Every structure is written in structure tokens, then in C-alpha cells.
């Protein structure tokens, strides 16, 4: 029996650790499972949107309109486009906290990777990358500190 792409998506979104998932990631997983073969990402999105079990959130465009940059960002794991979740599944503070930490860590790792392959003969690009890397490290530290402070406040009863 062939599995329905909608039933598969509901099962994945209902049982996985990730509550809010980029539609593109869900579609890629669907394709790798051999479900919905020939179904485009746009057609899959339309199916999900027509089903009241799914709730959509606006996504981001990691390439800011540049297809080449978007493809590079997707290789790094940053997928553009809308996010989807099961309507009945709650976005908890713990989940949002975990996603924020994962996102800042992924960003930092991607920038560190860019630093490792930076061009040797472009001091201006190196300086810009160093500044961005420094800002990312600061942001990660501030996020971690804010989350730790929040955790301490909750544990302290304040």
C-alpha cells in the first residue's frame, strides 16, 4: 500500500523532536522515502495548506532572492521558505529555546567553516569575515547567557 504524503507528514510532525519544520526539509525527507514521487515542493506545500491539520509560519529567504546563495545556504542546512507544524502540537518555551540555541550554534559553525576556507589574497574579505564571526560569537554568548539567566530565574522561583 502506498502511503499518503499527508499521512506521512502528519506522522513525522507528530512524533519527531522538531515541531516546526521547513516545508522544504519535510519534502526532501518525503522524496528520500520514495513517497509522493513526482510531487513538487510547491504541490506538496499546497496539499499541506489545504489540510487543516497543518499550520504554517512564514519562513525566511536565506538567499535574499539570489538562487545561488540560497542553494549554498541549503547545503549548510539553512532552508528558506515556510515552516509547518501540526496544528495540535504546541510550540513550548523549551522547544523555542532549544531551536534558538541550535540556530546560533549552526550559524557560528557555518561562519567558522567559511573562515577556514577564506581566500588568502583578500584582506578586505578576511576582515569582513572576522568582524561577522566576532559578532556571531558575541550573539551566541548573549543568547546563551540570556537563556541561562531565564533558566535561573525560573528555578529560583522569580
Protein backbone atom coordinates (compact mmCIF):
# COMPACT_ATOMS: atom_id res chain seq x y z
CA UNK A 1 0.00 0.00 0.00
CA UNK A 2 1.27 3.44 -0.94
CA UNK A 3 1.49 5.94 1.89
CA UNK A 4 -0.22 9.28 1.51
CA UNK A 5 2.16 12.25 1.65
CA UNK A 6 -0.26 13.96 4.07
CA UNK A 7 -0.46 10.98 6.42
CA UNK A 8 3.32 10.62 6.31
CA UNK A 9 3.79 14.34 7.09
CA UNK A 10 1.30 14.18 9.98
CA UNK A 11 3.13 11.18 11.44
CA UNK A 12 6.56 12.81 11.13
CA UNK A 13 5.42 16.14 12.56
CA UNK A 14 3.53 14.41 15.36
CA UNK A 15 6.29 12.12 16.54
CA UNK A 16 9.57 13.91 15.89
CA UNK A 17 11.58 16.18 18.16
CA UNK A 18 11.15 19.02 15.70
CA UNK A 19 7.78 20.69 15.98
CA UNK A 20 8.25 23.45 13.41
CA UNK A 21 9.95 22.23 10.23
CA UNK A 22 10.82 23.93 6.94
CA UNK A 23 8.47 22.56 4.29
CA UNK A 24 11.48 22.01 2.01
CA UNK A 25 13.13 19.74 4.60
CA UNK A 26 9.91 17.76 5.01
CA UNK A 27 9.59 17.47 1.21
CA UNK A 28 13.20 16.30 0.84
CA UNK A 29 12.60 13.63 3.50
CA UNK A 30 9.38 12.63 1.74
CA UNK A 31 11.25 12.21 -1.54
CA UNK A 32 14.07 10.21 0.08
CA UNK A 33 11.43 7.80 1.46
CA UNK A 34 10.00 7.30 -2.04
CA UNK A 35 6.66 8.76 -1.01
CA UNK A 36 4.91 11.23 -3.27
CA UNK A 37 7.32 10.56 -6.13
CA UNK A 38 6.98 13.27 -8.74
CA UNK A 39 5.32 15.64 -6.29
CA UNK A 40 6.94 19.08 -6.49
CA UNK A 41 7.69 21.06 -3.35
CA UNK A 42 5.04 23.59 -4.41
CA UNK A 43 2.40 20.86 -4.91
CA UNK A 44 3.35 19.32 -1.54
CA UNK A 45 3.02 22.74 0.11
CA UNK A 46 -0.41 23.20 -1.46
CA UNK A 47 -1.53 19.79 -0.14
CA UNK A 48 -0.40 20.70 3.37
CA UNK A 49 -2.02 24.14 3.21
CA UNK A 50 -5.36 22.59 2.20
CA UNK A 51 -5.34 20.25 5.21
CA UNK A 52 -6.48 21.83 8.48
CA UNK A 53 -4.21 19.52 10.50
CA UNK A 54 -1.23 21.65 9.44
CA UNK A 55 -0.36 25.18 10.50
CA UNK A 56 2.04 27.38 8.57
CA UNK A 57 4.50 30.02 9.68
CA UNK A 58 6.28 32.48 7.46
CA UNK A 59 9.80 31.42 6.65
CA UNK A 60 12.89 33.32 5.71
CA UNK A 61 14.75 33.70 2.44
CA UNK A 62 18.33 32.84 3.26
CA UNK A 63 19.42 33.87 -0.23
CA UNK A 64 17.54 37.17 -0.28
CA UNK A 65 16.37 36.38 -3.82
CA UNK A 66 19.73 35.02 -5.00
CA UNK A 67 19.25 31.38 -6.06
CA UNK A 68 22.98 30.58 -5.87
CA UNK A 69 23.26 31.95 -2.36
CA UNK A 70 20.04 30.16 -1.33
CA UNK A 71 21.46 26.86 -2.64
CA UNK A 72 24.67 27.42 -0.69
CA UNK A 73 22.73 28.16 2.48
CA UNK A 74 20.67 24.98 1.99
CA UNK A 75 23.88 22.97 1.70
CA UNK A 76 24.76 24.37 5.12
CA UNK A 77 21.36 23.32 6.48
CA UNK A 78 19.61 26.71 6.39
CA UNK A 79 16.44 26.15 4.37
CA UNK A 80 14.35 29.01 3.04
CA UNK A 81 10.60 29.06 2.78
CA UNK A 82 7.63 28.48 5.02
CA UNK A 83 7.66 26.36 8.16
CA UNK A 84 4.91 23.90 9.05
CA UNK A 85 3.74 22.17 12.22
CA UNK A 86 0.81 20.06 13.28
CA UNK A 87 -1.93 22.43 14.42
CA UNK A 88 -2.45 20.40 17.58
CA UNK A 89 1.18 20.48 18.65
CA UNK A 90 2.17 23.33 20.95
CA UNK A 91 5.30 25.42 20.47
CA UNK A 92 6.69 25.25 24.00
CA UNK A 93 9.19 27.65 25.53
CA UNK A 94 11.63 24.76 25.89
CA UNK A 95 11.34 23.95 22.20
CA UNK A 96 11.84 27.58 21.13
CA UNK A 97 14.84 27.82 23.48
CA UNK A 98 16.40 24.68 22.01
CA UNK A 99 15.82 25.91 18.45
CA UNK A 100 17.36 29.31 19.25
CA UNK A 101 20.44 27.64 20.68
CA UNK A 102 20.71 25.26 17.72
CA UNK A 103 20.33 28.10 15.23
CA UNK A 104 23.00 30.26 16.80
CA UNK A 105 25.35 27.25 17.07
CA UNK A 106 24.75 26.31 13.41
CA UNK A 107 25.36 29.90 12.31
CA UNK A 108 28.60 30.02 14.25
CA UNK A 109 29.78 26.69 12.82
CA UNK A 110 28.99 27.82 9.28
CA UNK A 111 30.96 31.03 9.78
CA UNK A 112 33.86 29.12 11.30
CA UNK A 113 33.82 26.88 8.22
CA UNK A 114 33.87 29.95 5.99
CA UNK A 115 36.84 31.26 7.97
CA UNK A 116 38.74 28.01 7.31
CA UNK A 117 38.29 28.35 3.52
CA UNK A 118 38.66 32.13 3.26
CA UNK A 119 40.76 33.42 0.35
CA UNK A 120 44.41 34.03 1.22
CA UNK A 121 44.77 37.04 -1.03
CA UNK A 122 41.79 39.19 0.00
CA UNK A 123 42.50 41.08 3.24
CA UNK A 124 39.26 43.08 2.94
CA UNK A 125 37.12 39.93 2.74
CA UNK A 126 39.11 38.41 5.60
CA UNK A 127 38.49 41.49 7.76
CA UNK A 128 34.75 41.45 6.99
CA UNK A 129 34.52 37.75 7.78
CA UNK A 130 36.43 38.26 11.02
CA UNK A 131 34.01 41.03 12.04
CA UNK A 132 30.99 38.86 11.22
CA UNK A 133 32.48 35.91 13.08
CA UNK A 134 33.14 38.11 16.11
CA UNK A 135 29.55 39.41 16.06
CA UNK A 136 28.22 35.84 15.75
CA UNK A 137 30.32 34.70 18.72
CA UNK A 138 29.03 37.65 20.74
CA UNK A 139 25.44 36.89 19.72
CA UNK A 140 25.78 33.22 20.70
CA UNK A 141 27.26 34.20 24.05
CA UNK A 142 24.44 36.70 24.67
CA UNK A 143 21.77 34.17 23.69
CA UNK A 144 23.31 31.50 25.92
CA UNK A 145 23.63 33.99 28.79
CA UNK A 146 20.04 35.23 28.42
CA UNK A 147 18.72 31.69 28.35
CA UNK A 148 20.81 30.75 31.37
CA UNK A 149 19.53 33.84 33.23
CA UNK A 150 15.95 32.90 32.33
CA UNK A 151 16.53 29.34 33.48
CA UNK A 152 18.00 30.59 36.76
CA UNK A 153 15.04 32.90 37.32
CA UNK A 154 12.57 30.05 36.77
CA UNK A 155 14.47 27.71 39.08
CA UNK A 156 14.80 30.42 41.72
CA UNK A 157 11.05 30.98 41.68
CA UNK A 158 11.35 34.53 40.35
